[in-house]
């Protein structure tokens, strides 16, 4: 489910498209369908996406770190 502060992304992984509309959905993607499980960008994305649940991180901050992790891992995405 998309949150108002999150620009919806379409991420391509394994010839399938995944719609990411919230930090929660991004966190699910990072856990289940990410090409790497290490690196500074990946760890920061995990931490910031999880931080939105407690209110310590904004949706904007989480999205920026998710985009940085996607660029770092060479995961293709586009804005919907």
PDB file of N, CA and C in Angstrom:
ATOM      1  N   UNK A   1       0.837  -1.172   0.000  1.00  0.00           N
ATOM      2  CA  UNK A   1       0.000   0.000   0.000  1.00  0.00           C
ATOM      3  C   UNK A   1       0.886   1.239   0.000  1.00  0.00           C
ATOM      4  N   UNK A   2       0.629   2.149  -0.867  1.00  0.00           N
ATOM      5  CA  UNK A   2       1.441   3.343  -1.021  1.00  0.00           C
ATOM      6  C   UNK A   2       1.160   4.352   0.091  1.00  0.00           C
ATOM      7  N   UNK A   3       2.217   4.983   0.577  1.00  0.00           N
ATOM      8  CA  UNK A   3       2.056   6.048   1.557  1.00  0.00           C
ATOM      9  C   UNK A   3       2.195   7.381   0.842  1.00  0.00           C
ATOM     10  N   UNK A   4       1.551   8.438   1.368  1.00  0.00           N
ATOM     11  CA  UNK A   4       1.538   9.725   0.661  1.00  0.00           C
ATOM     12  C   UNK A   4       2.921  10.328   0.408  1.00  0.00           C
ATOM     13  N   UNK A   5       3.878  10.085   1.285  1.00  0.00           N
ATOM     14  CA  UNK A   5       5.196  10.691   1.142  1.00  0.00           C
ATOM     15  C   UNK A   5       6.155   9.885   0.271  1.00  0.00           C
ATOM     16  N   UNK A   6       5.704   8.784  -0.274  1.00  0.00           N
ATOM     17  CA  UNK A   6       6.585   7.888  -1.026  1.00  0.00           C
ATOM     18  C   UNK A   6       6.233   7.970  -2.499  1.00  0.00           C
ATOM     19  N   UNK A   7       7.219   8.287  -3.348  1.00  0.00           N
ATOM     20  CA  UNK A   7       7.011   8.237  -4.788  1.00  0.00           C
ATOM     21  C   UNK A   7       7.057   6.777  -5.202  1.00  0.00           C
ATOM     22  N   UNK A   8       6.030   6.325  -5.877  1.00  0.00           N
ATOM     23  CA  UNK A   8       5.924   4.909  -6.227  1.00  0.00           C
ATOM     24  C   UNK A   8       7.011   4.540  -7.229  1.00  0.00           C
ATOM     25  N   UNK A   9       7.667   3.429  -6.953  1.00  0.00           N
ATOM     26  CA  UNK A   9       8.725   2.908  -7.805  1.00  0.00           C
ATOM     27  C   UNK A   9       8.310   1.579  -8.398  1.00  0.00           C
ATOM     28  N   UNK A  10       8.793   1.310  -9.578  1.00  0.00           N
ATOM     29  CA  UNK A  10       8.657  -0.012 -10.168  1.00  0.00           C
ATOM     30  C   UNK A  10      10.070  -0.570 -10.285  1.00  0.00           C
ATOM     31  N   UNK A  11      10.312  -1.659  -9.581  1.00  0.00           N
ATOM     32  CA  UNK A  11      11.635  -2.272  -9.530  1.00  0.00           C
ATOM     33  C   UNK A  11      11.604  -3.557 -10.339  1.00  0.00           C
ATOM     34  N   UNK A  12      12.610  -3.736 -11.192  1.00  0.00           N
ATOM     35  CA  UNK A  12      12.691  -4.967 -11.985  1.00  0.00           C
ATOM     36  C   UNK A  12      13.719  -5.904 -11.367  1.00  0.00           C
ATOM     37  N   UNK A  13      13.270  -7.118 -11.035  1.00  0.00           N
ATOM     38  CA  UNK A  13      14.150  -8.163 -10.504  1.00  0.00           C
ATOM     39  C   UNK A  13      13.728  -9.489 -11.101  1.00  0.00           C
ATOM     40  N   UNK A  14      14.659 -10.225 -11.627  1.00  0.00           N
ATOM     41  CA  UNK A  14      14.405 -11.565 -12.181  1.00  0.00           C
ATOM     42  C   UNK A  14      13.270 -11.535 -13.206  1.00  0.00           C
ATOM     43  N   UNK A  15      13.304 -10.555 -14.085  1.00  0.00           N
ATOM     44  CA  UNK A  15      12.331 -10.402 -15.166  1.00  0.00           C
ATOM     45  C   UNK A  15      10.906 -10.239 -14.656  1.00  0.00           C
ATOM     46  N   UNK A  16      10.761  -9.710 -13.458  1.00  0.00           N
ATOM     47  CA  UNK A  16       9.442  -9.415 -12.891  1.00  0.00           C
ATOM     48  C   UNK A  16       9.468  -7.986 -12.364  1.00  0.00           C
ATOM     49  N   UNK A  17       8.315  -7.350 -12.370  1.00  0.00           N
ATOM     50  CA  UNK A  17       8.209  -5.982 -11.890  1.00  0.00           C
ATOM     51  C   UNK A  17       7.534  -5.971 -10.531  1.00  0.00           C
ATOM     52  N   UNK A  18       8.091  -5.188  -9.613  1.00  0.00           N
ATOM     53  CA  UNK A  18       7.573  -5.076  -8.252  1.00  0.00           C
ATOM     54  C   UNK A  18       7.266  -3.609  -7.990  1.00  0.00           C
ATOM     55  N   UNK A  19       6.057  -3.318  -7.550  1.00  0.00           N
ATOM     56  CA  UNK A  19       5.669  -1.953  -7.231  1.00  0.00           C
ATOM     57  C   UNK A  19       5.995  -1.699  -5.765  1.00  0.00           C
ATOM     58  N   UNK A  20       6.783  -0.674  -5.532  1.00  0.00           N
ATOM     59  CA  UNK A  20       7.201  -0.310  -4.182  1.00  0.00           C
ATOM     60  C   UNK A  20       6.591   1.051  -3.869  1.00  0.00           C
ATOM     61  N   UNK A  21       5.680   1.074  -2.902  1.00  0.00           N
ATOM     62  CA  UNK A  21       4.983   2.313  -2.575  1.00  0.00           C
ATOM     63  C   UNK A  21       5.112   2.748  -1.134  1.00  0.00           C
ATOM     64  N   UNK A  22       5.981   2.095  -0.387  1.00  0.00           N
ATOM     65  CA  UNK A  22       6.170   2.469   1.019  1.00  0.00           C
ATOM     66  C   UNK A  22       7.490   1.893   1.520  1.00  0.00           C
ATOM     67  N   UNK A  23       7.911   2.395   2.657  1.00  0.00           N
ATOM     68  CA  UNK A  23       9.134   1.866   3.269  1.00  0.00           C
ATOM     69  C   UNK A  23       8.953   0.406   3.652  1.00  0.00           C
ATOM     70  N   UNK A  24       7.754   0.042   4.071  1.00  0.00           N
ATOM     71  CA  UNK A  24       7.480  -1.355   4.434  1.00  0.00           C
ATOM     72  C   UNK A  24       7.657  -2.276   3.229  1.00  0.00           C
ATOM     73  N   UNK A  25       7.139  -1.857   2.071  1.00  0.00           N
ATOM     74  CA  UNK A  25       7.293  -2.662   0.856  1.00  0.00           C
ATOM     75  C   UNK A  25       8.759  -2.700   0.415  1.00  0.00           C
ATOM     76  N   UNK A  26       9.462  -1.589   0.592  1.00  0.00           N
ATOM     77  CA  UNK A  26      10.887  -1.562   0.254  1.00  0.00           C
ATOM     78  C   UNK A  26      11.668  -2.516   1.151  1.00  0.00           C
ATOM     79  N   UNK A  27      11.333  -2.528   2.434  1.00  0.00           N
ATOM     80  CA  UNK A  27      12.004  -3.425   3.371  1.00  0.00           C
ATOM     81  C   UNK A  27      11.753  -4.880   2.999  1.00  0.00           C
ATOM     82  N   UNK A  28      10.520  -5.197   2.619  1.00  0.00           N
ATOM     83  CA  UNK A  28      10.207  -6.555   2.162  1.00  0.00           C
ATOM     84  C   UNK A  28      11.061  -6.926   0.951  1.00  0.00           C
ATOM     85  N   UNK A  29      11.203  -5.986   0.028  1.00  0.00           N
ATOM     86  CA  UNK A  29      12.009  -6.225  -1.173  1.00  0.00           C
ATOM     87  C   UNK A  29      13.479  -6.453  -0.799  1.00  0.00           C
ATOM     88  N   UNK A  30      13.984  -5.651   0.112  1.00  0.00           N
ATOM     89  CA  UNK A  30      15.376  -5.794   0.546  1.00  0.00           C
ATOM     90  C   UNK A  30      15.616  -7.143   1.214  1.00  0.00           C
ATOM     91  N   UNK A  31      14.661  -7.590   2.012  1.00  0.00           N
ATOM     92  CA  UNK A  31      14.795  -8.880   2.699  1.00  0.00           C
ATOM     93  C   UNK A  31      14.694 -10.060   1.733  1.00  0.00           C
ATOM     94  N   UNK A  32      13.728 -10.013   0.827  1.00  0.00           N
ATOM     95  CA  UNK A  32      13.363 -11.204   0.063  1.00  0.00           C
ATOM     96  C   UNK A  32      13.929 -11.276  -1.351  1.00  0.00           C
ATOM     97  N   UNK A  33      14.261 -10.142  -1.943  1.00  0.00           N
ATOM     98  CA  UNK A  33      14.526 -10.172  -3.375  1.00  0.00           C
ATOM     99  C   UNK A  33      15.616  -9.176  -3.761  1.00  0.00           C
ATOM    100  N   UNK A  34      16.707  -9.167  -3.039  1.00  0.00           N
ATOM    101  CA  UNK A  34      17.780  -8.210  -3.308  1.00  0.00           C
ATOM    102  C   UNK A  34      19.033  -8.968  -3.710  1.00  0.00           C
ATOM    103  N   UNK A  35      19.807  -8.436  -4.658  1.00  0.00           N
ATOM    104  CA  UNK A  35      20.963  -9.188  -5.155  1.00  0.00           C
ATOM    105  C   UNK A  35      22.138  -9.271  -4.180  1.00  0.00           C
ATOM    106  N   UNK A  36      22.123  -8.466  -3.142  1.00  0.00           N
ATOM    107  CA  UNK A  36      23.214  -8.500  -2.170  1.00  0.00           C
ATOM    108  C   UNK A  36      22.653  -8.338  -0.764  1.00  0.00           C
ATOM    109  N   UNK A  37      23.345  -8.869   0.191  1.00  0.00           N
ATOM    110  CA  UNK A  37      22.916  -8.737   1.589  1.00  0.00           C
ATOM    111  C   UNK A  37      24.018  -8.089   2.414  1.00  0.00           C
ATOM    112  N   UNK A  38      24.788  -7.239   1.760  1.00  0.00           N
ATOM    113  CA  UNK A  38      25.872  -6.561   2.464  1.00  0.00           C
ATOM    114  C   UNK A  38      26.134  -5.226   1.791  1.00  0.00           C
ATOM    115  N   UNK A  39      27.020  -4.474   2.382  1.00  0.00           N
ATOM    116  CA  UNK A  39      27.383  -3.176   1.836  1.00  0.00           C
ATOM    117  C   UNK A  39      26.709  -2.050   2.595  1.00  0.00           C
ATOM    118  N   UNK A  40      27.365  -0.904   2.608  1.00  0.00           N
ATOM    119  CA  UNK A  40      26.878   0.237   3.381  1.00  0.00           C
ATOM    120  C   UNK A  40      25.505   0.716   2.918  1.00  0.00           C
ATOM    121  N   UNK A  41      25.288   0.796   1.611  1.00  0.00           N
ATOM    122  CA  UNK A  41      24.006   1.283   1.099  1.00  0.00           C
ATOM    123  C   UNK A  41      22.873   0.329   1.454  1.00  0.00           C
ATOM    124  N   UNK A  42      23.122  -0.964   1.354  1.00  0.00           N
ATOM    125  CA  UNK A  42      22.110  -1.966   1.702  1.00  0.00           C
ATOM    126  C   UNK A  42      21.759  -1.880   3.182  1.00  0.00           C
ATOM    127  N   UNK A  43      22.764  -1.830   4.038  1.00  0.00           N
ATOM    128  CA  UNK A  43      22.532  -1.783   5.487  1.00  0.00           C
ATOM    129  C   UNK A  43      21.785  -0.510   5.866  1.00  0.00           C
ATOM    130  N   UNK A  44      22.179   0.621   5.294  1.00  0.00           N
ATOM    131  CA  UNK A  44      21.495   1.876   5.589  1.00  0.00           C
ATOM    132  C   UNK A  44      20.042   1.827   5.135  1.00  0.00           C
ATOM    133  N   UNK A  45      19.784   1.262   3.963  1.00  0.00           N
ATOM    134  CA  UNK A  45      18.405   1.137   3.481  1.00  0.00           C
ATOM    135  C   UNK A  45      17.576   0.260   4.412  1.00  0.00           C
ATOM    136  N   UNK A  46      18.143  -0.835   4.864  1.00  0.00           N
ATOM    137  CA  UNK A  46      17.432  -1.703   5.807  1.00  0.00           C
ATOM    138  C   UNK A  46      17.097  -0.937   7.082  1.00  0.00           C
ATOM    139  N   UNK A  47      18.075  -0.220   7.621  1.00  0.00           N
ATOM    140  CA  UNK A  47      17.881   0.510   8.872  1.00  0.00           C
ATOM    141  C   UNK A  47      16.863   1.636   8.725  1.00  0.00           C
ATOM    142  N   UNK A  48      16.955   2.400   7.637  1.00  0.00           N
ATOM    143  CA  UNK A  48      16.039   3.527   7.488  1.00  0.00           C
ATOM    144  C   UNK A  48      14.627   3.067   7.168  1.00  0.00           C
ATOM    145  N   UNK A  49      14.482   2.054   6.347  1.00  0.00           N
ATOM    146  CA  UNK A  49      13.131   1.551   6.056  1.00  0.00           C
ATOM    147  C   UNK A  49      12.487   0.994   7.322  1.00  0.00           C
ATOM    148  N   UNK A  50      13.255   0.295   8.129  1.00  0.00           N
ATOM    149  CA  UNK A  50      12.732  -0.226   9.397  1.00  0.00           C
ATOM    150  C   UNK A  50      12.436   0.911  10.368  1.00  0.00           C
ATOM    151  N   UNK A  51      13.213   1.972  10.307  1.00  0.00           N
ATOM    152  CA  UNK A  51      13.035   3.101  11.212  1.00  0.00           C
ATOM    153  C   UNK A  51      11.748   3.867  11.021  1.00  0.00           C
ATOM    154  N   UNK A  52      11.112   3.726   9.870  1.00  0.00           N
ATOM    155  CA  UNK A  52       9.839   4.420   9.665  1.00  0.00           C
ATOM    156  C   UNK A  52       8.745   3.843  10.552  1.00  0.00           C
ATOM    157  N   UNK A  53       8.856   2.589  10.921  1.00  0.00           N
ATOM    158  CA  UNK A  53       7.844   1.948  11.775  1.00  0.00           C
ATOM    159  C   UNK A  53       7.832   2.559  13.171  1.00  0.00           C
ATOM    160  N   UNK A  54       8.985   3.018  13.635  1.00  0.00           N
ATOM    161  CA  UNK A  54       9.068   3.610  14.974  1.00  0.00           C
ATOM    162  C   UNK A  54       8.993   5.130  14.932  1.00  0.00           C
ATOM    163  N   UNK A  55       8.997   5.687  13.732  1.00  0.00           N
ATOM    164  CA  UNK A  55       8.914   7.130  13.591  1.00  0.00           C
ATOM    165  C   UNK A  55      10.242   7.851  13.724  1.00  0.00           C
ATOM    166  N   UNK A  56      11.328   7.121  13.783  1.00  0.00           N
ATOM    167  CA  UNK A  56      12.644   7.746  13.904  1.00  0.00           C
ATOM    168  C   UNK A  56      13.202   8.190  12.554  1.00  0.00           C
ATOM    169  N   UNK A  57      12.582   7.727  11.484  1.00  0.00           N
ATOM    170  CA  UNK A  57      13.022   8.043  10.126  1.00  0.00           C
ATOM    171  C   UNK A  57      11.790   8.419   9.308  1.00  0.00           C
ATOM    172  N   UNK A  58      11.921   9.415   8.435  1.00  0.00           N
ATOM    173  CA  UNK A  58      10.806   9.801   7.575  1.00  0.00           C
ATOM    174  C   UNK A  58      10.739   8.896   6.347  1.00  0.00           C
ATOM    175  N   UNK A  59       9.591   8.901   5.705  1.00  0.00           N
ATOM    176  CA  UNK A  59       9.429   8.144   4.465  1.00  0.00           C
ATOM    177  C   UNK A  59      10.405   8.656   3.405  1.00  0.00           C
ATOM    178  N   UNK A  60      10.607   9.977   3.357  1.00  0.00           N
ATOM    179  CA  UNK A  60      11.543  10.547   2.382  1.00  0.00           C
ATOM    180  C   UNK A  60      12.961  10.024   2.597  1.00  0.00           C
ATOM    181  N   UNK A  61      13.392   9.990   3.850  1.00  0.00           N
ATOM    182  CA  UNK A  61      14.732   9.479   4.159  1.00  0.00           C
ATOM    183  C   UNK A  61      14.856   8.009   3.771  1.00  0.00           C
ATOM    184  N   UNK A  62      13.809   7.253   4.052  1.00  0.00           N
ATOM    185  CA  UNK A  62      13.822   5.831   3.707  1.00  0.00           C
ATOM    186  C   UNK A  62      13.880   5.641   2.196  1.00  0.00           C
ATOM    187  N   UNK A  63      13.106   6.445   1.479  1.00  0.00           N
ATOM    188  CA  UNK A  63      13.113   6.293   0.027  1.00  0.00           C
ATOM    189  C   UNK A  63      14.475   6.646  -0.560  1.00  0.00           C
ATOM    190  N   UNK A  64      15.079   7.701  -0.066  1.00  0.00           N
ATOM    191  CA  UNK A  64      16.403   8.069  -0.575  1.00  0.00           C
ATOM    192  C   UNK A  64      17.425   6.971  -0.322  1.00  0.00           C
ATOM    193  N   UNK A  65      17.384   6.370   0.842  1.00  0.00           N
ATOM    194  CA  UNK A  65      18.349   5.300   1.118  1.00  0.00           C
ATOM    195  C   UNK A  65      18.041   4.054   0.295  1.00  0.00           C
ATOM    196  N   UNK A  66      16.756   3.779   0.046  1.00  0.00           N
ATOM    197  CA  UNK A  66      16.392   2.647  -0.811  1.00  0.00           C
ATOM    198  C   UNK A  66      16.895   2.882  -2.238  1.00  0.00           C
ATOM    199  N   UNK A  67      16.729   4.102  -2.740  1.00  0.00           N
ATOM    200  CA  UNK A  67      17.216   4.422  -4.084  1.00  0.00           C
ATOM    201  C   UNK A  67      18.737   4.297  -4.157  1.00  0.00           C
ATOM    202  N   UNK A  68      19.427   4.739  -3.118  1.00  0.00           N
ATOM    203  CA  UNK A  68      20.887   4.607  -3.084  1.00  0.00           C
ATOM    204  C   UNK A  68      21.296   3.138  -3.103  1.00  0.00           C
ATOM    205  N   UNK A  69      20.566   2.314  -2.364  1.00  0.00           N
ATOM    206  CA  UNK A  69      20.865   0.872  -2.353  1.00  0.00           C
ATOM    207  C   UNK A  69      20.600   0.260  -3.723  1.00  0.00           C
ATOM    208  N   UNK A  70      19.532   0.705  -4.377  1.00  0.00           N
ATOM    209  CA  UNK A  70      19.221   0.189  -5.712  1.00  0.00           C
ATOM    210  C   UNK A  70      20.320   0.568  -6.703  1.00  0.00           C
ATOM    211  N   UNK A  71      20.756   1.807  -6.654  1.00  0.00           N
ATOM    212  CA  UNK A  71      21.839   2.236  -7.542  1.00  0.00           C
ATOM    213  C   UNK A  71      23.119   1.466  -7.249  1.00  0.00           C
ATOM    214  N   UNK A  72      23.433   1.291  -5.978  1.00  0.00           N
ATOM    215  CA  UNK A  72      24.639   0.571  -5.580  1.00  0.00           C
ATOM    216  C   UNK A  72      24.618  -0.879  -6.061  1.00  0.00           C
ATOM    217  N   UNK A  73      23.440  -1.509  -5.990  1.00  0.00           N
ATOM    218  CA  UNK A  73      23.306  -2.917  -6.384  1.00  0.00           C
ATOM    219  C   UNK A  73      22.969  -3.083  -7.867  1.00  0.00           C
ATOM    220  N   UNK A  74      22.873  -1.957  -8.578  1.00  0.00           N
ATOM    221  CA  UNK A  74      22.533  -1.973 -10.008  1.00  0.00           C
ATOM    222  C   UNK A  74      21.168  -2.620 -10.270  1.00  0.00           C
ATOM    223  N   UNK A  75      20.227  -2.336  -9.374  1.00  0.00           N
ATOM    224  CA  UNK A  75      18.850  -2.802  -9.532  1.00  0.00           C
ATOM    225  C   UNK A  75      18.110  -1.754 -10.356  1.00  0.00           C
ATOM    226  N   UNK A  76      17.506  -2.185 -11.441  1.00  0.00           N
ATOM    227  CA  UNK A  76      16.790  -1.257 -12.308  1.00  0.00           C
ATOM    228  C   UNK A  76      15.475  -0.847 -11.664  1.00  0.00           C
ATOM    229  N   UNK A  77      15.153   0.450 -11.786  1.00  0.00           N
ATOM    230  CA  UNK A  77      13.883   0.949 -11.264  1.00  0.00           C
ATOM    231  C   UNK A  77      13.457   2.157 -12.084  1.00  0.00           C
ATOM    232  N   UNK A  78      12.200   2.506 -11.937  1.00  0.00           N
ATOM    233  CA  UNK A  78      11.680   3.739 -12.537  1.00  0.00           C
ATOM    234  C   UNK A  78      10.570   4.247 -11.635  1.00  0.00           C
ATOM    235  N   UNK A  79      10.284   5.531 -11.755  1.00  0.00           N
ATOM    236  CA  UNK A  79       9.172   6.101 -11.007  1.00  0.00           C
ATOM    237  C   UNK A  79       7.890   5.870 -11.781  1.00  0.00           C
ATOM    238  N   UNK A  80       6.849   5.488 -11.077  1.00  0.00           N
ATOM    239  CA  UNK A  80       5.564   5.206 -11.730  1.00  0.00           C
ATOM    240  C   UNK A  80       4.753   6.480 -11.857  1.00  0.00           C
TER     241      UNK A  80
END
